[in-house]
Amino acid sequence: MDERLLNDLLECSVCLERLDSSSKVLPCQHTFCRKCLEEIVASHQELRCPECRVLVEVRIDELPPNVLLMRILEGKIRAAGCPLRSINTLFRTLLFF
């Protein structure tokens, strides 16, 4: 896969920042960064998917992480030469943010 295309897929479509392990996947399967989801809830008093407008009826904390995204990010970190122990420490830190 082209590196540029992959980087586009790893962006939050709201803020265009890189998604990370704190990103959440909505029931409609769209993924956004936690910060954007929190801002949407704060400003609208509800959470609707920014892509398809489906109402999300659970709290942000209850939404699961995007496991595929985390695997891709882990692969990119490994490809950059980061030791496995450092990757595991990084993900534990980010997952229990």
PDB file of N, CA and C in Angstrom:
ATOM      1  N   MET A   1       0.847  -1.172   0.000  1.00  0.00           N
ATOM      2  CA  MET A   1       0.000   0.000   0.000  1.00  0.00           C
ATOM      3  C   MET A   1       0.897   1.242   0.000  1.00  0.00           C
ATOM      4  N   ASP A   2       0.506   2.224  -0.748  1.00  0.00           N
ATOM      5  CA  ASP A   2       1.232   3.481  -0.823  1.00  0.00           C
ATOM      6  C   ASP A   2       1.281   4.147   0.553  1.00  0.00           C
ATOM      7  N   GLU A   3       2.452   4.620   0.945  1.00  0.00           N
ATOM      8  CA  GLU A   3       2.652   5.230   2.272  1.00  0.00           C
ATOM      9  C   GLU A   3       1.744   6.442   2.485  1.00  0.00           C
ATOM     10  N   ARG A   4       1.554   7.248   1.446  1.00  0.00           N
ATOM     11  CA  ARG A   4       0.699   8.432   1.563  1.00  0.00           C
ATOM     12  C   ARG A   4      -0.754   8.039   1.806  1.00  0.00           C
ATOM     13  N   LEU A   5      -1.228   7.023   1.096  1.00  0.00           N
ATOM     14  CA  LEU A   5      -2.588   6.532   1.281  1.00  0.00           C
ATOM     15  C   LEU A   5      -2.762   5.981   2.696  1.00  0.00           C
ATOM     16  N   LEU A   6      -1.785   5.229   3.159  1.00  0.00           N
ATOM     17  CA  LEU A   6      -1.840   4.689   4.509  1.00  0.00           C
ATOM     18  C   LEU A   6      -1.895   5.822   5.534  1.00  0.00           C
ATOM     19  N   ASN A   7      -1.090   6.842   5.359  1.00  0.00           N
ATOM     20  CA  ASN A   7      -1.107   7.980   6.286  1.00  0.00           C
ATOM     21  C   ASN A   7      -2.450   8.695   6.275  1.00  0.00           C
ATOM     22  N   ASP A   8      -3.089   8.786   5.109  1.00  0.00           N
ATOM     23  CA  ASP A   8      -4.432   9.392   5.032  1.00  0.00           C
ATOM     24  C   ASP A   8      -5.445   8.575   5.821  1.00  0.00           C
ATOM     25  N   LEU A   9      -5.319   7.247   5.772  1.00  0.00           N
ATOM     26  CA  LEU A   9      -6.242   6.375   6.506  1.00  0.00           C
ATOM     27  C   LEU A   9      -6.030   6.460   8.015  1.00  0.00           C
ATOM     28  N   LEU A  10      -4.861   6.902   8.419  1.00  0.00           N
ATOM     29  CA  LEU A  10      -4.541   6.997   9.846  1.00  0.00           C
ATOM     30  C   LEU A  10      -4.838   8.371  10.426  1.00  0.00           C
ATOM     31  N   GLU A  11      -5.543   9.208   9.661  1.00  0.00           N
ATOM     32  CA  GLU A  11      -5.914  10.544  10.130  1.00  0.00           C
ATOM     33  C   GLU A  11      -7.350  10.570  10.625  1.00  0.00           C
ATOM     34  N   CYS A  12      -7.587  11.356  11.649  1.00  0.00           N
ATOM     35  CA  CYS A  12      -8.955  11.655  12.078  1.00  0.00           C
ATOM     36  C   CYS A  12      -9.549  12.563  11.008  1.00  0.00           C
ATOM     37  N   SER A  13     -10.700  12.209  10.479  1.00  0.00           N
ATOM     38  CA  SER A  13     -11.297  13.003   9.400  1.00  0.00           C
ATOM     39  C   SER A  13     -11.900  14.321   9.892  1.00  0.00           C
ATOM     40  N   VAL A  14     -11.939  14.520  11.200  1.00  0.00           N
ATOM     41  CA  VAL A  14     -12.446  15.784  11.746  1.00  0.00           C
ATOM     42  C   VAL A  14     -11.312  16.803  11.875  1.00  0.00           C
ATOM     43  N   CYS A  15     -10.252  16.436  12.582  1.00  0.00           N
ATOM     44  CA  CYS A  15      -9.161  17.384  12.846  1.00  0.00           C
ATOM     45  C   CYS A  15      -7.941  17.171  11.961  1.00  0.00           C
ATOM     46  N   LEU A  16      -7.922  16.063  11.215  1.00  0.00           N
ATOM     47  CA  LEU A  16      -6.828  15.703  10.310  1.00  0.00           C
ATOM     48  C   LEU A  16      -5.509  15.410  11.023  1.00  0.00           C
ATOM     49  N   GLU A  17      -5.583  15.146  12.322  1.00  0.00           N
ATOM     50  CA  GLU A  17      -4.405  14.727  13.084  1.00  0.00           C
ATOM     51  C   GLU A  17      -4.287  13.211  13.014  1.00  0.00           C
ATOM     52  N   ARG A  18      -3.108  12.694  13.312  1.00  0.00           N
ATOM     53  CA  ARG A  18      -2.853  11.256  13.304  1.00  0.00           C
ATOM     54  C   ARG A  18      -3.670  10.585  14.400  1.00  0.00           C
ATOM     55  N   LEU A  19      -4.384   9.517  14.049  1.00  0.00           N
ATOM     56  CA  LEU A  19      -5.089   8.720  15.049  1.00  0.00           C
ATOM     57  C   LEU A  19      -4.052   8.009  15.906  1.00  0.00           C
ATOM     58  N   ASP A  20      -4.416   7.707  17.151  1.00  0.00           N
ATOM     59  CA  ASP A  20      -3.518   6.979  18.035  1.00  0.00           C
ATOM     60  C   ASP A  20      -4.325   5.958  18.823  1.00  0.00           C
ATOM     61  N   SER A  21      -3.706   5.343  19.792  1.00  0.00           N
ATOM     62  CA  SER A  21      -4.381   4.259  20.516  1.00  0.00           C
ATOM     63  C   SER A  21      -5.507   4.761  21.418  1.00  0.00           C
ATOM     64  N   SER A  22      -5.642   6.069  21.596  1.00  0.00           N
ATOM     65  CA  SER A  22      -6.784   6.587  22.363  1.00  0.00           C
ATOM     66  C   SER A  22      -8.001   6.809  21.461  1.00  0.00           C
ATOM     67  N   SER A  23      -7.829   6.606  20.153  1.00  0.00           N
ATOM     68  CA  SER A  23      -8.929   6.772  19.202  1.00  0.00           C
ATOM     69  C   SER A  23     -10.008   5.724  19.470  1.00  0.00           C
ATOM     70  N   LYS A  24     -11.238   6.065  19.142  1.00  0.00           N
ATOM     71  CA  LYS A  24     -12.367   5.169  19.407  1.00  0.00           C
ATOM     72  C   LYS A  24     -13.114   4.851  18.120  1.00  0.00           C
ATOM     73  N   VAL A  25     -13.591   3.629  18.040  1.00  0.00           N
ATOM     74  CA  VAL A  25     -14.401   3.215  16.898  1.00  0.00           C
ATOM     75  C   VAL A  25     -15.875   3.265  17.324  1.00  0.00           C
ATOM     76  N   LEU A  26     -16.684   3.904  16.499  1.00  0.00           N
ATOM     77  CA  LEU A  26     -18.114   4.041  16.784  1.00  0.00           C
ATOM     78  C   LEU A  26     -18.861   2.788  16.325  1.00  0.00           C
ATOM     79  N   PRO A  27     -20.101   2.598  16.769  1.00  0.00           N
ATOM     80  CA  PRO A  27     -20.869   1.423  16.342  1.00  0.00           C
ATOM     81  C   PRO A  27     -21.021   1.308  14.819  1.00  0.00           C
ATOM     82  N   CYS A  28     -20.934   2.432  14.109  1.00  0.00           N
ATOM     83  CA  CYS A  28     -21.030   2.431  12.648  1.00  0.00           C
ATOM     84  C   CYS A  28     -19.699   2.061  11.991  1.00  0.00           C
ATOM     85  N   GLN A  29     -18.656   1.829  12.817  1.00  0.00           N
ATOM     86  CA  GLN A  29     -17.319   1.419  12.399  1.00  0.00           C
ATOM     87  C   GLN A  29     -16.434   2.559  11.909  1.00  0.00           C
ATOM     88  N   HIS A  30     -16.872   3.805  12.053  1.00  0.00           N
ATOM     89  CA  HIS A  30     -15.996   4.947  11.763  1.00  0.00           C
ATOM     90  C   HIS A  30     -15.151   5.230  13.008  1.00  0.00           C
ATOM     91  N   THR A  31     -13.912   5.667  12.795  1.00  0.00           N
ATOM     92  CA  THR A  31     -12.976   5.903  13.898  1.00  0.00           C
ATOM     93  C   THR A  31     -12.549   7.367  13.925  1.00  0.00           C
ATOM     94  N   PHE A  32     -12.499   7.925  15.146  1.00  0.00           N
ATOM     95  CA  PHE A  32     -12.112   9.321  15.334  1.00  0.00           C
ATOM     96  C   PHE A  32     -11.250   9.436  16.576  1.00  0.00           C
ATOM     97  N   CYS A  33     -10.504  10.511  16.648  1.00  0.00           N
ATOM     98  CA  CYS A  33      -9.694  10.708  17.841  1.00  0.00           C
ATOM     99  C   CYS A  33     -10.608  11.073  19.015  1.00  0.00           C
ATOM    100  N   ARG A  34     -10.180  10.682  20.173  1.00  0.00           N
ATOM    101  CA  ARG A  34     -10.958  10.898  21.390  1.00  0.00           C
ATOM    102  C   ARG A  34     -11.243  12.378  21.612  1.00  0.00           C
ATOM    103  N   LYS A  35     -10.245  13.223  21.340  1.00  0.00           N
ATOM    104  CA  LYS A  35     -10.400  14.665  21.550  1.00  0.00           C
ATOM    105  C   LYS A  35     -11.561  15.213  20.715  1.00  0.00           C
ATOM    106  N   CYS A  36     -11.647  14.831  19.453  1.00  0.00           N
ATOM    107  CA  CYS A  36     -12.743  15.304  18.597  1.00  0.00           C
ATOM    108  C   CYS A  36     -14.096  14.806  19.098  1.00  0.00           C
ATOM    109  N   LEU A  37     -14.163  13.547  19.502  1.00  0.00           N
ATOM    110  CA  LEU A  37     -15.426  13.009  20.019  1.00  0.00           C
ATOM    111  C   LEU A  37     -15.866  13.762  21.269  1.00  0.00           C
ATOM    112  N   GLU A  38     -14.920  14.056  22.149  1.00  0.00           N
ATOM    113  CA  GLU A  38     -15.252  14.805  23.363  1.00  0.00           C
ATOM    114  C   GLU A  38     -15.727  16.220  23.036  1.00  0.00           C
ATOM    115  N   GLU A  39     -15.125  16.851  22.051  1.00  0.00           N
ATOM    116  CA  GLU A  39     -15.550  18.193  21.648  1.00  0.00           C
ATOM    117  C   GLU A  39     -16.949  18.180  21.046  1.00  0.00           C
ATOM    118  N   ILE A  40     -17.277  17.139  20.284  1.00  0.00           N
ATOM    119  CA  ILE A  40     -18.619  17.013  19.705  1.00  0.00           C
ATOM    120  C   ILE A  40     -19.657  16.881  20.806  1.00  0.00           C
ATOM    121  N   VAL A  41     -19.392  16.010  21.781  1.00  0.00           N
ATOM    122  CA  VAL A  41     -20.332  15.824  22.891  1.00  0.00           C
ATOM    123  C   VAL A  41     -20.490  17.124  23.679  1.00  0.00           C
ATOM    124  N   ALA A  42     -19.393  17.819  23.942  1.00  0.00           N
ATOM    125  CA  ALA A  42     -19.443  19.060  24.711  1.00  0.00           C
ATOM    126  C   ALA A  42     -20.260  20.138  23.990  1.00  0.00           C
ATOM    127  N   SER A  43     -20.149  20.211  22.678  1.00  0.00           N
ATOM    128  CA  SER A  43     -20.838  21.277  21.954  1.00  0.00           C
ATOM    129  C   SER A  43     -22.276  20.933  21.564  1.00  0.00           C
ATOM    130  N   HIS A  44     -22.590  19.645  21.386  1.00  0.00           N
ATOM    131  CA  HIS A  44     -23.928  19.252  20.927  1.00  0.00           C
ATOM    132  C   HIS A  44     -24.740  18.484  21.957  1.00  0.00           C
ATOM    133  N   GLN A  45     -24.134  18.151  23.076  1.00  0.00           N
ATOM    134  CA  GLN A  45     -24.799  17.386  24.141  1.00  0.00           C
ATOM    135  C   GLN A  45     -25.239  15.995  23.695  1.00  0.00           C
ATOM    136  N   GLU A  46     -24.704  15.528  22.588  1.00  0.00           N
ATOM    137  CA  GLU A  46     -24.926  14.175  22.091  1.00  0.00           C
ATOM    138  C   GLU A  46     -23.788  13.852  21.134  1.00  0.00           C
ATOM    139  N   LEU A  47     -23.677  12.581  20.800  1.00  0.00           N
ATOM    140  CA  LEU A  47     -22.639  12.176  19.865  1.00  0.00           C
ATOM    141  C   LEU A  47     -23.271  11.533  18.654  1.00  0.00           C
ATOM    142  N   ARG A  48     -23.072  12.178  17.529  1.00  0.00           N
ATOM    143  CA  ARG A  48     -23.445  11.612  16.236  1.00  0.00           C
ATOM    144  C   ARG A  48     -22.177  11.446  15.440  1.00  0.00           C
ATOM    145  N   CYS A  49     -22.100  10.370  14.687  1.00  0.00           N
ATOM    146  CA  CYS A  49     -20.923  10.128  13.864  1.00  0.00           C
ATOM    147  C   CYS A  49     -20.744  11.291  12.887  1.00  0.00           C
ATOM    148  N   PRO A  50     -19.569  11.896  12.859  1.00  0.00           N
ATOM    149  CA  PRO A  50     -19.330  12.995  11.918  1.00  0.00           C
ATOM    150  C   PRO A  50     -19.393  12.566  10.449  1.00  0.00           C
ATOM    151  N   GLU A  51     -19.246  11.273  10.181  1.00  0.00           N
ATOM    152  CA  GLU A  51     -19.292  10.784   8.798  1.00  0.00           C
ATOM    153  C   GLU A  51     -20.710  10.459   8.351  1.00  0.00           C
ATOM    154  N   CYS A  52     -21.425   9.656   9.135  1.00  0.00           N
ATOM    155  CA  CYS A  52     -22.735   9.155   8.683  1.00  0.00           C
ATOM    156  C   CYS A  52     -23.908   9.646   9.519  1.00  0.00           C
ATOM    157  N   ARG A  53     -23.617  10.408  10.578  1.00  0.00           N
ATOM    158  CA  ARG A  53     -24.641  11.044  11.437  1.00  0.00           C
ATOM    159  C   ARG A  53     -25.438  10.070  12.302  1.00  0.00           C
ATOM    160  N   VAL A  54     -25.020   8.828  12.412  1.00  0.00           N
ATOM    161  CA  VAL A  54     -25.703   7.865  13.282  1.00  0.00           C
ATOM    162  C   VAL A  54     -25.521   8.304  14.740  1.00  0.00           C
ATOM    163  N   LEU A  55     -26.595   8.260  15.499  1.00  0.00           N
ATOM    164  CA  LEU A  55     -26.543   8.616  16.915  1.00  0.00           C
ATOM    165  C   LEU A  55     -25.830   7.513  17.694  1.00  0.00           C
ATOM    166  N   VAL A  56     -24.856   7.903  18.499  1.00  0.00           N
ATOM    167  CA  VAL A  56     -24.112   6.959  19.337  1.00  0.00           C
ATOM    168  C   VAL A  56     -24.695   7.062  20.742  1.00  0.00           C
ATOM    169  N   GLU A  57     -25.205   5.947  21.247  1.00  0.00           N
ATOM    170  CA  GLU A  57     -25.938   5.976  22.507  1.00  0.00           C
ATOM    171  C   GLU A  57     -25.142   5.462  23.698  1.00  0.00           C
ATOM    172  N   VAL A  58     -23.826   5.394  23.560  1.00  0.00           N
ATOM    173  CA  VAL A  58     -22.971   5.008  24.683  1.00  0.00           C
ATOM    174  C   VAL A  58     -21.967   6.131  24.925  1.00  0.00           C
ATOM    175  N   ARG A  59     -21.414   6.144  26.127  1.00  0.00           N
ATOM    176  CA  ARG A  59     -20.403   7.148  26.456  1.00  0.00           C
ATOM    177  C   ARG A  59     -19.106   6.857  25.705  1.00  0.00           C
ATOM    178  N   ILE A  60     -18.314   7.874  25.513  1.00  0.00           N
ATOM    179  CA  ILE A  60     -17.041   7.720  24.810  1.00  0.00           C
ATOM    180  C   ILE A  60     -16.169   6.680  25.506  1.00  0.00           C
ATOM    181  N   ASP A  61     -16.158   6.687  26.829  1.00  0.00           N
ATOM    182  CA  ASP A  61     -15.347   5.722  27.581  1.00  0.00           C
ATOM    183  C   ASP A  61     -15.749   4.277  27.300  1.00  0.00           C
ATOM    184  N   GLU A  62     -16.990   4.062  26.910  1.00  0.00           N
ATOM    185  CA  GLU A  62     -17.481   2.714  26.646  1.00  0.00           C
ATOM    186  C   GLU A  62     -17.199   2.250  25.222  1.00  0.00           C
ATOM    187  N   LEU A  63     -16.781   3.158  24.351  1.00  0.00           N
ATOM    188  CA  LEU A  63     -16.473   2.787  22.972  1.00  0.00           C
ATOM    189  C   LEU A  63     -15.145   2.023  22.927  1.00  0.00           C
ATOM    190  N   PRO A  64     -15.066   1.016  22.084  1.00  0.00           N
ATOM    191  CA  PRO A  64     -13.821   0.232  22.011  1.00  0.00           C
ATOM    192  C   PRO A  64     -12.754   0.951  21.191  1.00  0.00           C
ATOM    193  N   PRO A  65     -11.497   0.561  21.423  1.00  0.00           N
ATOM    194  CA  PRO A  65     -10.433   1.060  20.546  1.00  0.00           C
ATOM    195  C   PRO A  65     -10.538   0.354  19.199  1.00  0.00           C
ATOM    196  N   ASN A  66      -9.936   0.926  18.196  1.00  0.00           N
ATOM    197  CA  ASN A  66      -9.904   0.307  16.878  1.00  0.00           C
ATOM    198  C   ASN A  66      -8.684  -0.615  16.834  1.00  0.00           C
ATOM    199  N   VAL A  67      -8.912  -1.911  16.975  1.00  0.00           N
ATOM    200  CA  VAL A  67      -7.830  -2.893  17.073  1.00  0.00           C
ATOM    201  C   VAL A  67      -7.001  -2.925  15.786  1.00  0.00           C
ATOM    202  N   LEU A  68      -7.644  -2.848  14.646  1.00  0.00           N
ATOM    203  CA  LEU A  68      -6.909  -2.838  13.383  1.00  0.00           C
ATOM    204  C   LEU A  68      -5.987  -1.622  13.315  1.00  0.00           C
ATOM    205  N   LEU A  69      -6.496  -0.471  13.712  1.00  0.00           N
ATOM    206  CA  LEU A  69      -5.674   0.740  13.739  1.00  0.00           C
ATOM    207  C   LEU A  69      -4.457   0.545  14.633  1.00  0.00           C
ATOM    208  N   MET A  70      -4.669  -0.032  15.813  1.00  0.00           N
ATOM    209  CA  MET A  70      -3.558  -0.239  16.739  1.00  0.00           C
ATOM    210  C   MET A  70      -2.519  -1.181  16.139  1.00  0.00           C
ATOM    211  N   ARG A  71      -2.951  -2.202  15.426  1.00  0.00           N
ATOM    212  CA  ARG A  71      -2.003  -3.126  14.784  1.00  0.00           C
ATOM    213  C   ARG A  71      -1.200  -2.415  13.694  1.00  0.00           C
ATOM    214  N   ILE A  72      -1.860  -1.579  12.919  1.00  0.00           N
ATOM    215  CA  ILE A  72      -1.159  -0.826  11.871  1.00  0.00           C
ATOM    216  C   ILE A  72      -0.135   0.109  12.494  1.00  0.00           C
ATOM    217  N   LEU A  73      -0.540   0.823  13.548  1.00  0.00           N
ATOM    218  CA  LEU A  73       0.387   1.731  14.221  1.00  0.00           C
ATOM    219  C   LEU A  73       1.564   0.970  14.810  1.00  0.00           C
ATOM    220  N   GLU A  74       1.292  -0.190  15.389  1.00  0.00           N
ATOM    221  CA  GLU A  74       2.369  -1.020  15.936  1.00  0.00           C
ATOM    222  C   GLU A  74       3.336  -1.436  14.831  1.00  0.00           C
ATOM    223  N   GLY A  75       2.796  -1.800  13.672  1.00  0.00           N
ATOM    224  CA  GLY A  75       3.644  -2.176  12.545  1.00  0.00           C
ATOM    225  C   GLY A  75       4.504  -1.023  12.067  1.00  0.00           C
ATOM    226  N   LYS A  76       3.943   0.170  12.042  1.00  0.00           N
ATOM    227  CA  LYS A  76       4.720   1.341  11.629  1.00  0.00           C
ATOM    228  C   LYS A  76       5.823   1.645  12.637  1.00  0.00           C
ATOM    229  N   ILE A  77       5.533   1.463  13.921  1.00  0.00           N
ATOM    230  CA  ILE A  77       6.547   1.701  14.949  1.00  0.00           C
ATOM    231  C   ILE A  77       7.668   0.670  14.808  1.00  0.00           C
ATOM    232  N   ARG A  78       7.292  -0.590  14.604  1.00  0.00           N
ATOM    233  CA  ARG A  78       8.308  -1.639  14.421  1.00  0.00           C
ATOM    234  C   ARG A  78       9.156  -1.378  13.191  1.00  0.00           C
ATOM    235  N   ALA A  79       8.503  -0.945  12.126  1.00  0.00           N
ATOM    236  CA  ALA A  79       9.237  -0.666  10.889  1.00  0.00           C
ATOM    237  C   ALA A  79      10.236   0.470  11.089  1.00  0.00           C
ATOM    238  N   ALA A  80       9.946   1.349  12.023  1.00  0.00           N
ATOM    239  CA  ALA A  80      10.853   2.460  12.312  1.00  0.00           C
ATOM    240  C   ALA A  80      12.005   2.020  13.202  1.00  0.00           C
ATOM    241  N   GLY A  81      11.977   0.757  13.654  1.00  0.00           N
ATOM    242  CA  GLY A  81      13.090   0.222  14.429  1.00  0.00           C
ATOM    243  C   GLY A  81      12.948   0.352  15.932  1.00  0.00           C
ATOM    244  N   CYS A  82      11.748   0.587  16.414  1.00  0.00           N
ATOM    245  CA  CYS A  82      11.521   0.700  17.854  1.00  0.00           C
ATOM    246  C   CYS A  82      11.475  -0.705  18.455  1.00  0.00           C
ATOM    247  N   PRO A  83      12.224  -0.983  19.546  1.00  0.00           N
ATOM    248  CA  PRO A  83      12.214  -2.314  20.156  1.00  0.00           C
ATOM    249  C   PRO A  83      10.818  -2.711  20.656  1.00  0.00           C
ATOM    250  N   LEU A  84      10.526  -4.014  20.618  1.00  0.00           N
ATOM    251  CA  LEU A  84       9.215  -4.528  21.024  1.00  0.00           C
ATOM    252  C   LEU A  84       8.851  -4.084  22.432  1.00  0.00           C
ATOM    253  N   ARG A  85       9.797  -4.116  23.361  1.00  0.00           N
ATOM    254  CA  ARG A  85       9.494  -3.723  24.733  1.00  0.00           C
ATOM    255  C   ARG A  85       9.015  -2.275  24.786  1.00  0.00           C
ATOM    256  N   SER A  86       9.617  -1.405  23.999  1.00  0.00           N
ATOM    257  CA  SER A  86       9.205  -0.006  23.959  1.00  0.00           C
ATOM    258  C   SER A  86       7.802   0.143  23.377  1.00  0.00           C
ATOM    259  N   ILE A  87       7.486  -0.662  22.359  1.00  0.00           N
ATOM    260  CA  ILE A  87       6.153  -0.620  21.756  1.00  0.00           C
ATOM    261  C   ILE A  87       5.109  -1.015  22.786  1.00  0.00           C
ATOM    262  N   ASN A  88       5.340  -2.122  23.493  1.00  0.00           N
ATOM    263  CA  ASN A  88       4.384  -2.592  24.491  1.00  0.00           C
ATOM    264  C   ASN A  88       4.186  -1.560  25.595  1.00  0.00           C
ATOM    265  N   THR A  89       5.260  -0.940  26.050  1.00  0.00           N
ATOM    266  CA  THR A  89       5.163   0.090  27.074  1.00  0.00           C
ATOM    267  C   THR A  89       4.361   1.274  26.555  1.00  0.00           C
ATOM    268  N   LEU A  90       4.632   1.687  25.323  1.00  0.00           N
ATOM    269  CA  LEU A  90       3.920   2.807  24.723  1.00  0.00           C
ATOM    270  C   LEU A  90       2.425   2.519  24.648  1.00  0.00           C
ATOM    271  N   PHE A  91       2.033   1.347  24.158  1.00  0.00           N
ATOM    272  CA  PHE A  91       0.620   1.035  24.030  1.00  0.00           C
ATOM    273  C   PHE A  91      -0.075   0.896  25.373  1.00  0.00           C
ATOM    274  N   ARG A  92       0.590   0.308  26.357  1.00  0.00           N
ATOM    275  CA  ARG A  92      -0.023   0.225  27.686  1.00  0.00           C
ATOM    276  C   ARG A  92      -0.272   1.612  28.239  1.00  0.00           C
ATOM    277  N   THR A  93       0.671   2.485  28.055  1.00  0.00           N
ATOM    278  CA  THR A  93       0.542   3.868  28.532  1.00  0.00           C
ATOM    279  C   THR A  93      -0.616   4.562  27.848  1.00  0.00           C
ATOM    280  N   LEU A  94      -0.714   4.415  26.517  1.00  0.00           N
ATOM    281  CA  LEU A  94      -1.768   5.105  25.765  1.00  0.00           C
ATOM    282  C   LEU A  94      -3.141   4.475  25.982  1.00  0.00           C
ATOM    283  N   LEU A  95      -3.191   3.158  26.129  1.00  0.00           N
ATOM    284  CA  LEU A  95      -4.489   2.487  26.306  1.00  0.00           C
ATOM    285  C   LEU A  95      -5.121   2.813  27.656  1.00  0.00           C
ATOM    286  N   PHE A  96      -4.321   3.007  28.665  1.00  0.00           N
ATOM    287  CA  PHE A  96      -4.868   3.266  29.989  1.00  0.00           C
ATOM    288  C   PHE A  96      -4.730   4.721  30.346  1.00  0.00           C
ATOM    289  N   PHE A  97      -4.765   5.564  29.346  1.00  0.00           N
ATOM    290  CA  PHE A  97      -4.661   7.019  29.387  1.00  0.00           C
ATOM    291  C   PHE A  97      -5.531   7.588  30.436  1.00  0.00           C
TER     292      PHE A  97
END
